[in-house]
Amino acid sequence: GRNISASCAACHGTNGNSVGGAPALAGADKAYLLAQMKDFKSGARTGTVMHHHAKGYSDEEFEKLADFFAAQKH
């Protein structure tokens, strides 16, 4: 999860601890994170860039990302 999350840091901060702009992901509920990522991928939720990023991830990678961010302290 940590390796996959490296690309998220540019907007969501190191380990998901955003310093503004994009939402913080650290400590978020795993089920919530999974639902959001899947909604971005399917197009059910739109965003400025997230719908493009999400299309590049598999469900297994979503699981790893959600586990990683949910375990982080905010």
Protein backbone atom coordinates (compact mmCIF):
# COMPACT_ATOMS: atom_id res chain seq x y z
CA GLY A 1 0.00 0.00 0.00
CA ARG A 2 2.75 2.46 0.87
CA ASN A 3 4.41 2.09 -2.53
CA ILE A 4 1.14 2.50 -4.40
CA SER A 5 0.22 5.54 -2.30
CA ALA A 6 3.33 7.47 -3.35
CA SER A 7 1.51 9.02 -6.30
CA CYS A 8 -1.32 10.16 -3.99
CA ALA A 9 1.05 12.28 -1.88
CA ALA A 10 1.28 15.09 -4.42
CA CYS A 11 -2.32 16.09 -3.68
CA HIS A 12 -3.31 14.23 -0.50
CA GLY A 13 -0.05 14.71 1.42
CA THR A 14 2.49 12.29 2.84
CA ASN A 15 0.70 9.20 4.16
CA GLY A 16 -2.61 10.90 3.33
CA ASN A 17 -2.10 13.83 5.70
CA SER A 18 -3.26 16.65 3.44
CA VAL A 19 -2.16 20.18 4.21
CA GLY A 20 -5.00 21.70 2.24
CA GLY A 21 -6.73 21.54 -1.09
CA ALA A 22 -7.35 17.80 -1.39
CA PRO A 23 -9.08 15.84 1.38
CA ALA A 24 -6.99 14.05 3.98
CA LEU A 25 -7.07 10.27 3.58
CA ALA A 26 -5.17 9.32 6.74
CA GLY A 27 -7.36 7.53 9.25
CA ALA A 28 -10.41 7.46 6.98
CA ASP A 29 -12.73 4.48 7.13
CA LYS A 30 -11.58 1.68 4.81
CA ALA A 31 -15.07 1.00 3.42
CA TYR A 32 -15.54 4.70 2.69
CA LEU A 33 -12.19 4.92 0.88
CA LEU A 34 -12.96 1.83 -1.20
CA ALA A 35 -16.39 3.14 -2.15
CA GLN A 36 -14.99 6.51 -3.20
CA MET A 37 -12.21 5.02 -5.31
CA LYS A 38 -14.60 2.59 -7.02
CA ASP A 39 -17.08 5.42 -7.66
CA PHE A 40 -14.33 7.52 -9.26
CA LYS A 41 -13.33 4.57 -11.43
CA SER A 42 -16.89 3.83 -12.57
CA GLY A 43 -17.71 7.48 -13.16
CA ALA A 44 -20.41 7.53 -10.47
CA ARG A 45 -18.39 10.26 -8.76
CA THR A 46 -16.58 12.94 -10.70
CA GLY A 47 -13.53 14.90 -9.71
CA THR A 48 -10.95 17.12 -11.27
CA VAL A 49 -8.40 14.31 -11.74
CA MET A 50 -9.43 11.40 -9.54
CA HIS A 51 -11.61 9.72 -12.14
CA HIS A 52 -8.54 9.53 -14.39
CA HIS A 53 -6.24 8.24 -11.63
CA ALA A 54 -8.71 5.63 -10.38
CA LYS A 55 -9.01 4.00 -13.79
CA GLY A 56 -5.39 2.89 -13.50
CA TYR A 57 -5.92 0.82 -10.35
CA SER A 58 -7.22 -2.72 -9.87
CA ASP A 59 -9.61 -3.71 -7.08
CA GLU A 60 -6.66 -5.39 -5.33
CA GLU A 61 -4.70 -2.12 -5.46
CA PHE A 62 -7.74 -0.24 -4.12
CA GLU A 63 -7.79 -2.68 -1.18
CA LYS A 64 -4.11 -2.07 -0.48
CA LEU A 65 -4.53 1.70 -0.70
CA ALA A 66 -7.58 1.68 1.58
CA ASP A 67 -5.80 -0.53 4.13
CA PHE A 68 -2.76 1.76 4.08
CA PHE A 69 -4.63 5.05 4.43
CA ALA A 70 -7.07 3.72 7.05
CA ALA A 71 -4.10 2.65 9.21
CA GLN A 72 -2.42 6.09 9.11
CA LYS A 73 -2.75 8.60 11.93
CA HIS A 74 -4.09 12.01 11.08
